[in-house]
Amino acid sequence: VLVVLLGIFPRLILDYSNETINFFIEQISKVQP
């Protein structure tokens, strides 16, 4: 059920991680030359 559910509705995970990962990438971009 979970494998099918996440395959159809990946936002069940991505909605939790989006803001954190966007901030993570912002932090990395600050050290780019």
PDB file of all heavy atoms in Angstrom:
ATOM      1  N   VAL A   1       0.838  -1.205   0.000  1.00  0.00           N
ATOM      2  CA  VAL A   1       0.000   0.000   0.000  1.00  0.00           C
ATOM      3  C   VAL A   1       0.874   1.257   0.000  1.00  0.00           C
ATOM      4  O   VAL A   1       0.621   2.208  -0.756  1.00  0.00           O
ATOM      5  CB  VAL A   1      -0.949  -0.004   1.216  1.00  0.00           C
ATOM      6  CG1 VAL A   1      -1.651   1.344   1.358  1.00  0.00           C
ATOM      7  CG2 VAL A   1      -1.972  -1.124   1.079  1.00  0.00           C
ATOM      8  N   LEU A   2       1.903   1.278   0.824  1.00  0.00           N
ATOM      9  CA  LEU A   2       2.762   2.459   0.916  1.00  0.00           C
ATOM     10  C   LEU A   2       3.564   2.679  -0.363  1.00  0.00           C
ATOM     11  O   LEU A   2       3.733   3.821  -0.805  1.00  0.00           O
ATOM     12  CB  LEU A   2       3.704   2.318   2.116  1.00  0.00           C
ATOM     13  CG  LEU A   2       3.040   2.470   3.486  1.00  0.00           C
ATOM     14  CD1 LEU A   2       4.020   2.136   4.596  1.00  0.00           C
ATOM     15  CD2 LEU A   2       2.504   3.877   3.671  1.00  0.00           C
ATOM     16  N   VAL A   3       4.053   1.600  -0.968  1.00  0.00           N
ATOM     17  CA  VAL A   3       4.830   1.730  -2.206  1.00  0.00           C
ATOM     18  C   VAL A   3       3.948   2.277  -3.326  1.00  0.00           C
ATOM     19  O   VAL A   3       4.389   3.140  -4.108  1.00  0.00           O
ATOM     20  CB  VAL A   3       5.441   0.360  -2.592  1.00  0.00           C
ATOM     21  CG1 VAL A   3       5.925   0.367  -4.029  1.00  0.00           C
ATOM     22  CG2 VAL A   3       6.598   0.027  -1.655  1.00  0.00           C
ATOM     23  N   VAL A   4       2.719   1.814  -3.402  1.00  0.00           N
ATOM     24  CA  VAL A   4       1.790   2.331  -4.422  1.00  0.00           C
ATOM     25  C   VAL A   4       1.376   3.762  -4.100  1.00  0.00           C
ATOM     26  O   VAL A   4       1.355   4.634  -4.982  1.00  0.00           O
ATOM     27  CB  VAL A   4       0.554   1.415  -4.533  1.00  0.00           C
ATOM     28  CG1 VAL A   4      -0.477   2.023  -5.474  1.00  0.00           C
ATOM     29  CG2 VAL A   4       0.959   0.026  -5.014  1.00  0.00           C
ATOM     30  N   LEU A   5       1.070   4.010  -2.846  1.00  0.00           N
ATOM     31  CA  LEU A   5       0.610   5.331  -2.430  1.00  0.00           C
ATOM     32  C   LEU A   5       1.679   6.400  -2.696  1.00  0.00           C
ATOM     33  O   LEU A   5       1.377   7.474  -3.237  1.00  0.00           O
ATOM     34  CB  LEU A   5       0.244   5.297  -0.950  1.00  0.00           C
ATOM     35  CG  LEU A   5      -0.701   6.387  -0.426  1.00  0.00           C
ATOM     36  CD1 LEU A   5      -2.042   6.317  -1.146  1.00  0.00           C
ATOM     37  CD2 LEU A   5      -0.896   6.232   1.088  1.00  0.00           C
ATOM     38  N   LEU A   6       2.925   6.113  -2.343  1.00  0.00           N
ATOM     39  CA  LEU A   6       3.998   7.085  -2.573  1.00  0.00           C
ATOM     40  C   LEU A   6       4.320   7.226  -4.058  1.00  0.00           C
ATOM     41  O   LEU A   6       4.788   8.281  -4.492  1.00  0.00           O
ATOM     42  CB  LEU A   6       5.252   6.676  -1.797  1.00  0.00           C
ATOM     43  CG  LEU A   6       5.150   6.756  -0.270  1.00  0.00           C
ATOM     44  CD1 LEU A   6       6.463   6.329   0.374  1.00  0.00           C
ATOM     45  CD2 LEU A   6       4.781   8.158   0.191  1.00  0.00           C
ATOM     46  N   GLY A   7       4.076   6.160  -4.823  1.00  0.00           N
ATOM     47  CA  GLY A   7       4.295   6.255  -6.264  1.00  0.00           C
ATOM     48  C   GLY A   7       3.286   7.161  -6.943  1.00  0.00           C
ATOM     49  O   GLY A   7       3.595   7.848  -7.924  1.00  0.00           O
ATOM     50  N   ILE A   8       2.070   7.203  -6.406  1.00  0.00           N
ATOM     51  CA  ILE A   8       1.006   8.024  -6.991  1.00  0.00           C
ATOM     52  C   ILE A   8       0.966   9.418  -6.357  1.00  0.00           C
ATOM     53  O   ILE A   8       0.714  10.416  -7.038  1.00  0.00           O
ATOM     54  CB  ILE A   8      -0.351   7.323  -6.818  1.00  0.00           C
ATOM     55  CG1 ILE A   8      -0.344   5.971  -7.544  1.00  0.00           C
ATOM     56  CG2 ILE A   8      -1.485   8.195  -7.346  1.00  0.00           C
ATOM     57  CD1 ILE A   8      -1.583   5.133  -7.292  1.00  0.00           C
ATOM     58  N   PHE A   9       1.243   9.480  -5.058  1.00  0.00           N
ATOM     59  CA  PHE A   9       1.206  10.755  -4.340  1.00  0.00           C
ATOM     60  C   PHE A   9       2.552  11.013  -3.652  1.00  0.00           C
ATOM     61  O   PHE A   9       2.648  10.964  -2.411  1.00  0.00           O
ATOM     62  CB  PHE A   9       0.080  10.756  -3.299  1.00  0.00           C
ATOM     63  CG  PHE A   9      -1.285  10.498  -3.856  1.00  0.00           C
ATOM     64  CD1 PHE A   9      -1.918   9.282  -3.638  1.00  0.00           C
ATOM     65  CD2 PHE A   9      -1.934  11.463  -4.609  1.00  0.00           C
ATOM     66  CE1 PHE A   9      -3.186   9.036  -4.143  1.00  0.00           C
ATOM     67  CE2 PHE A   9      -3.203  11.233  -5.128  1.00  0.00           C
ATOM     68  CZ  PHE A   9      -3.829  10.011  -4.907  1.00  0.00           C
ATOM     69  N   PRO A  10       3.592  11.302  -4.413  1.00  0.00           N
ATOM     70  CA  PRO A  10       4.910  11.534  -3.798  1.00  0.00           C
ATOM     71  C   PRO A  10       4.949  12.733  -2.864  1.00  0.00           C
ATOM     72  O   PRO A  10       5.834  12.837  -2.012  1.00  0.00           O
ATOM     73  CB  PRO A  10       5.831  11.753  -5.003  1.00  0.00           C
ATOM     74  CG  PRO A  10       4.925  12.145  -6.130  1.00  0.00           C
ATOM     75  CD  PRO A  10       3.642  11.421  -5.882  1.00  0.00           C
ATOM     76  N   ARG A  11       3.969  13.637  -2.994  1.00  0.00           N
ATOM     77  CA  ARG A  11       3.951  14.809  -2.123  1.00  0.00           C
ATOM     78  C   ARG A  11       3.745  14.428  -0.660  1.00  0.00           C
ATOM     79  O   ARG A  11       3.988  15.248   0.247  1.00  0.00           O
ATOM     80  CB  ARG A  11       2.854  15.779  -2.561  1.00  0.00           C
ATOM     81  CG  ARG A  11       1.444  15.262  -2.487  1.00  0.00           C
ATOM     82  CD  ARG A  11       0.438  16.320  -2.909  1.00  0.00           C
ATOM     83  NE  ARG A  11       0.495  17.481  -2.042  1.00  0.00           N
ATOM     84  CZ  ARG A  11      -0.243  18.572  -2.202  1.00  0.00           C
ATOM     85  NH1 ARG A  11      -1.061  18.657  -3.248  1.00  0.00           N
ATOM     86  NH2 ARG A  11      -0.155  19.576  -1.356  1.00  0.00           N
ATOM     87  N   LEU A  12       3.322  13.191  -0.389  1.00  0.00           N
ATOM     88  CA  LEU A  12       3.192  12.742   0.992  1.00  0.00           C
ATOM     89  C   LEU A  12       4.528  12.796   1.718  1.00  0.00           C
ATOM     90  O   LEU A  12       4.569  12.924   2.943  1.00  0.00           O
ATOM     91  CB  LEU A  12       2.633  11.310   1.037  1.00  0.00           C
ATOM     92  CG  LEU A  12       1.188  11.135   0.563  1.00  0.00           C
ATOM     93  CD1 LEU A  12       0.821   9.658   0.491  1.00  0.00           C
ATOM     94  CD2 LEU A  12       0.231  11.893   1.478  1.00  0.00           C
ATOM     95  N   ILE A  13       5.615  12.703   0.984  1.00  0.00           N
ATOM     96  CA  ILE A  13       6.961  12.875   1.544  1.00  0.00           C
ATOM     97  C   ILE A  13       7.507  14.252   1.201  1.00  0.00           C
ATOM     98  O   ILE A  13       8.055  14.961   2.056  1.00  0.00           O
ATOM     99  CB  ILE A  13       7.927  11.788   1.027  1.00  0.00           C
ATOM    100  CG1 ILE A  13       7.451  10.399   1.463  1.00  0.00           C
ATOM    101  CG2 ILE A  13       9.358  12.042   1.523  1.00  0.00           C
ATOM    102  CD1 ILE A  13       7.433  10.186   2.954  1.00  0.00           C
ATOM    103  N   LEU A  14       7.346  14.657  -0.048  1.00  0.00           N
ATOM    104  CA  LEU A  14       7.993  15.883  -0.537  1.00  0.00           C
ATOM    105  C   LEU A  14       7.444  17.134   0.140  1.00  0.00           C
ATOM    106  O   LEU A  14       8.179  18.117   0.315  1.00  0.00           O
ATOM    107  CB  LEU A  14       7.826  15.983  -2.053  1.00  0.00           C
ATOM    108  CG  LEU A  14       8.466  14.842  -2.855  1.00  0.00           C
ATOM    109  CD1 LEU A  14       8.187  15.021  -4.340  1.00  0.00           C
ATOM    110  CD2 LEU A  14       9.968  14.766  -2.594  1.00  0.00           C
ATOM    111  N   ASP A  15       6.184  17.143   0.528  1.00  0.00           N
ATOM    112  CA  ASP A  15       5.628  18.316   1.212  1.00  0.00           C
ATOM    113  C   ASP A  15       6.320  18.577   2.546  1.00  0.00           C
ATOM    114  O   ASP A  15       6.390  19.722   3.003  1.00  0.00           O
ATOM    115  CB  ASP A  15       4.120  18.145   1.436  1.00  0.00           C
ATOM    116  CG  ASP A  15       3.308  18.448   0.182  1.00  0.00           C
ATOM    117  OD1 ASP A  15       3.907  18.878  -0.824  1.00  0.00           O
ATOM    118  OD2 ASP A  15       2.078  18.236   0.197  1.00  0.00           O
ATOM    119  N   TYR A  16       6.802  17.503   3.175  1.00  0.00           N
ATOM    120  CA  TYR A  16       7.523  17.669   4.435  1.00  0.00           C
ATOM    121  C   TYR A  16       8.946  18.191   4.211  1.00  0.00           C
ATOM    122  O   TYR A  16       9.470  18.958   5.014  1.00  0.00           O
ATOM    123  CB  TYR A  16       7.600  16.332   5.182  1.00  0.00           C
ATOM    124  CG  TYR A  16       6.301  15.919   5.808  1.00  0.00           C
ATOM    125  CD1 TYR A  16       5.418  15.084   5.143  1.00  0.00           C
ATOM    126  CD2 TYR A  16       5.935  16.373   7.076  1.00  0.00           C
ATOM    127  CE1 TYR A  16       4.212  14.707   5.710  1.00  0.00           C
ATOM    128  CE2 TYR A  16       4.732  16.003   7.653  1.00  0.00           C
ATOM    129  CZ  TYR A  16       3.874  15.168   6.968  1.00  0.00           C
ATOM    130  OH  TYR A  16       2.672  14.812   7.531  1.00  0.00           O
ATOM    131  N   SER A  17       9.553  17.791   3.132  1.00  0.00           N
ATOM    132  CA  SER A  17      10.981  18.074   2.931  1.00  0.00           C
ATOM    133  C   SER A  17      11.269  19.309   2.096  1.00  0.00           C
ATOM    134  O   SER A  17      12.396  19.811   2.113  1.00  0.00           O
ATOM    135  CB  SER A  17      11.655  16.861   2.276  1.00  0.00           C
ATOM    136  OG  SER A  17      11.112  16.603   0.994  1.00  0.00           O
ATOM    137  N   ASN A  18      10.289  19.815   1.341  1.00  0.00           N
ATOM    138  CA  ASN A  18      10.562  20.877   0.367  1.00  0.00           C
ATOM    139  C   ASN A  18      11.227  22.099   0.974  1.00  0.00           C
ATOM    140  O   ASN A  18      12.259  22.572   0.467  1.00  0.00           O
ATOM    141  CB  ASN A  18       9.263  21.292  -0.339  1.00  0.00           C
ATOM    142  CG  ASN A  18       8.865  20.321  -1.442  1.00  0.00           C
ATOM    143  OD1 ASN A  18       9.692  19.569  -1.947  1.00  0.00           O
ATOM    144  ND2 ASN A  18       7.597  20.331  -1.810  1.00  0.00           N
ATOM    145  N   GLU A  19      10.656  22.652   2.052  1.00  0.00           N
ATOM    146  CA  GLU A  19      11.199  23.885   2.619  1.00  0.00           C
ATOM    147  C   GLU A  19      12.596  23.669   3.189  1.00  0.00           C
ATOM    148  O   GLU A  19      13.486  24.512   3.032  1.00  0.00           O
ATOM    149  CB  GLU A  19      10.262  24.426   3.708  1.00  0.00           C
ATOM    150  CG  GLU A  19       8.891  24.867   3.194  1.00  0.00           C
ATOM    151  CD  GLU A  19       8.986  26.006   2.194  1.00  0.00           C
ATOM    152  OE1 GLU A  19      10.030  26.690   2.133  1.00  0.00           O
ATOM    153  OE2 GLU A  19       8.006  26.218   1.449  1.00  0.00           O
ATOM    154  N   THR A  20      12.806  22.528   3.846  1.00  0.00           N
ATOM    155  CA  THR A  20      14.127  22.240   4.406  1.00  0.00           C
ATOM    156  C   THR A  20      15.172  22.096   3.313  1.00  0.00           C
ATOM    157  O   THR A  20      16.281  22.638   3.406  1.00  0.00           O
ATOM    158  CB  THR A  20      14.082  20.956   5.259  1.00  0.00           C
ATOM    159  OG1 THR A  20      13.074  21.074   6.248  1.00  0.00           O
ATOM    160  CG2 THR A  20      15.425  20.712   5.930  1.00  0.00           C
ATOM    161  N   ILE A  21      14.826  21.379   2.255  1.00  0.00           N
ATOM    162  CA  ILE A  21      15.791  21.152   1.183  1.00  0.00           C
ATOM    163  C   ILE A  21      16.049  22.438   0.397  1.00  0.00           C
ATOM    164  O   ILE A  21      17.201  22.719   0.005  1.00  0.00           O
ATOM    165  CB  ILE A  21      15.319  20.003   0.275  1.00  0.00           C
ATOM    166  CG1 ILE A  21      15.503  18.670   1.003  1.00  0.00           C
ATOM    167  CG2 ILE A  21      16.071  20.005  -1.066  1.00  0.00           C
ATOM    168  CD1 ILE A  21      15.011  17.466   0.283  1.00  0.00           C
ATOM    169  N   ASN A  22      15.035  23.252   0.187  1.00  0.00           N
ATOM    170  CA  ASN A  22      15.258  24.542  -0.483  1.00  0.00           C
ATOM    171  C   ASN A  22      16.211  25.410   0.326  1.00  0.00           C
ATOM    172  O   ASN A  22      17.100  26.065  -0.237  1.00  0.00           O
ATOM    173  CB  ASN A  22      13.924  25.267  -0.683  1.00  0.00           C
ATOM    174  CG  ASN A  22      13.080  24.639  -1.775  1.00  0.00           C
ATOM    175  OD1 ASN A  22      13.594  23.979  -2.673  1.00  0.00           O
ATOM    176  ND2 ASN A  22      11.770  24.831  -1.702  1.00  0.00           N
ATOM    177  N   PHE A  23      16.039  25.410   1.655  1.00  0.00           N
ATOM    178  CA  PHE A  23      16.964  26.158   2.508  1.00  0.00           C
ATOM    179  C   PHE A  23      18.371  25.569   2.433  1.00  0.00           C
ATOM    180  O   PHE A  23      19.373  26.297   2.385  1.00  0.00           O
ATOM    181  CB  PHE A  23      16.460  26.147   3.952  1.00  0.00           C
ATOM    182  CG  PHE A  23      17.438  26.730   4.934  1.00  0.00           C
ATOM    183  CD1 PHE A  23      17.681  28.093   4.960  1.00  0.00           C
ATOM    184  CD2 PHE A  23      18.112  25.915   5.819  1.00  0.00           C
ATOM    185  CE1 PHE A  23      18.588  28.636   5.862  1.00  0.00           C
ATOM    186  CE2 PHE A  23      19.020  26.438   6.725  1.00  0.00           C
ATOM    187  CZ  PHE A  23      19.259  27.812   6.750  1.00  0.00           C
ATOM    188  N   PHE A  24      18.448  24.236   2.403  1.00  0.00           N
ATOM    189  CA  PHE A  24      19.739  23.540   2.289  1.00  0.00           C
ATOM    190  C   PHE A  24      20.471  23.999   1.024  1.00  0.00           C
ATOM    191  O   PHE A  24      21.660  24.348   1.058  1.00  0.00           O
ATOM    192  CB  PHE A  24      19.491  22.032   2.250  1.00  0.00           C
ATOM    193  CG  PHE A  24      20.633  21.189   2.748  1.00  0.00           C
ATOM    194  CD1 PHE A  24      20.380  20.036   3.475  1.00  0.00           C
ATOM    195  CD2 PHE A  24      21.953  21.515   2.481  1.00  0.00           C
ATOM    196  CE1 PHE A  24      21.409  19.234   3.934  1.00  0.00           C
ATOM    197  CE2 PHE A  24      22.996  20.727   2.945  1.00  0.00           C
ATOM    198  CZ  PHE A  24      22.722  19.585   3.678  1.00  0.00           C
ATOM    199  N   ILE A  25      19.781  24.016  -0.091  1.00  0.00           N
ATOM    200  CA  ILE A  25      20.393  24.420  -1.359  1.00  0.00           C
ATOM    201  C   ILE A  25      20.806  25.894  -1.320  1.00  0.00           C
ATOM    202  O   ILE A  25      21.850  26.277  -1.861  1.00  0.00           O
ATOM    203  CB  ILE A  25      19.428  24.146  -2.528  1.00  0.00           C
ATOM    204  CG1 ILE A  25      19.130  22.646  -2.630  1.00  0.00           C
ATOM    205  CG2 ILE A  25      20.023  24.657  -3.841  1.00  0.00           C
ATOM    206  CD1 ILE A  25      20.338  21.770  -2.835  1.00  0.00           C
ATOM    207  N   GLU A  26      20.012  26.727  -0.653  1.00  0.00           N
ATOM    208  CA  GLU A  26      20.389  28.136  -0.496  1.00  0.00           C
ATOM    209  C   GLU A  26      21.704  28.270   0.261  1.00  0.00           C
ATOM    210  O   GLU A  26      22.559  29.096  -0.094  1.00  0.00           O
ATOM    211  CB  GLU A  26      19.289  28.893   0.248  1.00  0.00           C
ATOM    212  CG  GLU A  26      18.040  29.159  -0.565  1.00  0.00           C
ATOM    213  CD  GLU A  26      16.970  29.850   0.268  1.00  0.00           C
ATOM    214  OE1 GLU A  26      17.318  30.356   1.370  1.00  0.00           O
ATOM    215  OE2 GLU A  26      15.804  29.868  -0.150  1.00  0.00           O
ATOM    216  N   GLN A  27      21.876  27.466   1.304  1.00  0.00           N
ATOM    217  CA  GLN A  27      23.113  27.509   2.079  1.00  0.00           C
ATOM    218  C   GLN A  27      24.306  27.085   1.242  1.00  0.00           C
ATOM    219  O   GLN A  27      25.391  27.662   1.342  1.00  0.00           O
ATOM    220  CB  GLN A  27      22.996  26.613   3.318  1.00  0.00           C
ATOM    221  CG  GLN A  27      21.917  27.032   4.305  1.00  0.00           C
ATOM    222  CD  GLN A  27      22.111  28.461   4.782  1.00  0.00           C
ATOM    223  OE1 GLN A  27      21.438  29.393   4.343  1.00  0.00           O
ATOM    224  NE2 GLN A  27      23.064  28.653   5.671  1.00  0.00           N
ATOM    225  N   ILE A  28      24.114  26.076   0.399  1.00  0.00           N
ATOM    226  CA  ILE A  28      25.198  25.618  -0.470  1.00  0.00           C
ATOM    227  C   ILE A  28      25.533  26.682  -1.507  1.00  0.00           C
ATOM    228  O   ILE A  28      26.708  26.921  -1.819  1.00  0.00           O
ATOM    229  CB  ILE A  28      24.810  24.285  -1.147  1.00  0.00           C
ATOM    230  CG1 ILE A  28      24.724  23.168  -0.106  1.00  0.00           C
ATOM    231  CG2 ILE A  28      25.815  23.919  -2.239  1.00  0.00           C
ATOM    232  CD1 ILE A  28      24.219  21.852  -0.652  1.00  0.00           C
ATOM    233  N   SER A  29      24.518  27.347  -2.033  1.00  0.00           N
ATOM    234  CA  SER A  29      24.754  28.364  -3.072  1.00  0.00           C
ATOM    235  C   SER A  29      25.569  29.542  -2.537  1.00  0.00           C
ATOM    236  O   SER A  29      26.249  30.225  -3.304  1.00  0.00           O
ATOM    237  CB  SER A  29      23.419  28.863  -3.635  1.00  0.00           C
ATOM    238  OG  SER A  29      22.685  29.574  -2.645  1.00  0.00           O
ATOM    239  N   LYS A  30      25.523  29.761  -1.221  1.00  0.00           N
ATOM    240  CA  LYS A  30      26.267  30.875  -0.639  1.00  0.00           C
ATOM    241  C   LYS A  30      27.779  30.657  -0.682  1.00  0.00           C
ATOM    242  O   LYS A  30      28.541  31.628  -0.620  1.00  0.00           O
ATOM    243  CB  LYS A  30      25.829  31.094   0.811  1.00  0.00           C
ATOM    244  CG  LYS A  30      24.414  31.623   0.957  1.00  0.00           C
ATOM    245  CD  LYS A  30      24.043  31.787   2.413  1.00  0.00           C
ATOM    246  CE  LYS A  30      22.604  32.301   2.557  1.00  0.00           C
ATOM    247  NZ  LYS A  30      22.206  32.446   3.973  1.00  0.00           N
ATOM    248  N   VAL A  31      28.205  29.395  -0.777  1.00  0.00           N
ATOM    249  CA  VAL A  31      29.652  29.130  -0.809  1.00  0.00           C
ATOM    250  C   VAL A  31      30.156  28.911  -2.229  1.00  0.00           C
ATOM    251  O   VAL A  31      31.343  28.685  -2.436  1.00  0.00           O
ATOM    252  CB  VAL A  31      30.013  27.900   0.058  1.00  0.00           C
ATOM    253  CG1 VAL A  31      29.579  28.127   1.498  1.00  0.00           C
ATOM    254  CG2 VAL A  31      29.385  26.626  -0.491  1.00  0.00           C
ATOM    255  N   GLN A  32      29.240  28.943  -3.214  1.00  0.00           N
ATOM    256  CA  GLN A  32      29.662  28.799  -4.602  1.00  0.00           C
ATOM    257  C   GLN A  32      30.418  30.046  -5.052  1.00  0.00           C
ATOM    258  O   GLN A  32      29.998  31.166  -4.754  1.00  0.00           O
ATOM    259  CB  GLN A  32      28.456  28.568  -5.516  1.00  0.00           C
ATOM    260  CG  GLN A  32      27.884  27.171  -5.435  1.00  0.00           C
ATOM    261  CD  GLN A  32      26.746  26.955  -6.408  1.00  0.00           C
ATOM    262  OE1 GLN A  32      25.859  27.784  -6.504  1.00  0.00           O
ATOM    263  NE2 GLN A  32      26.792  25.853  -7.129  1.00  0.00           N
ATOM    264  N   PRO A  33      31.548  29.878  -5.766  1.00  0.00           N
ATOM    265  CA  PRO A  33      32.318  31.028  -6.237  1.00  0.00           C
ATOM    266  C   PRO A  33      31.552  31.821  -7.291  1.00  0.00           C
ATOM    267  O   PRO A  33      30.715  31.294  -7.990  1.00  0.00           O
ATOM    268  CB  PRO A  33      33.571  30.388  -6.829  1.00  0.00           C
ATOM    269  CG  PRO A  33      33.191  28.975  -7.155  1.00  0.00           C
ATOM    270  CD  PRO A  33      32.160  28.590  -6.143  1.00  0.00           C
TER     271      PRO A  33
END
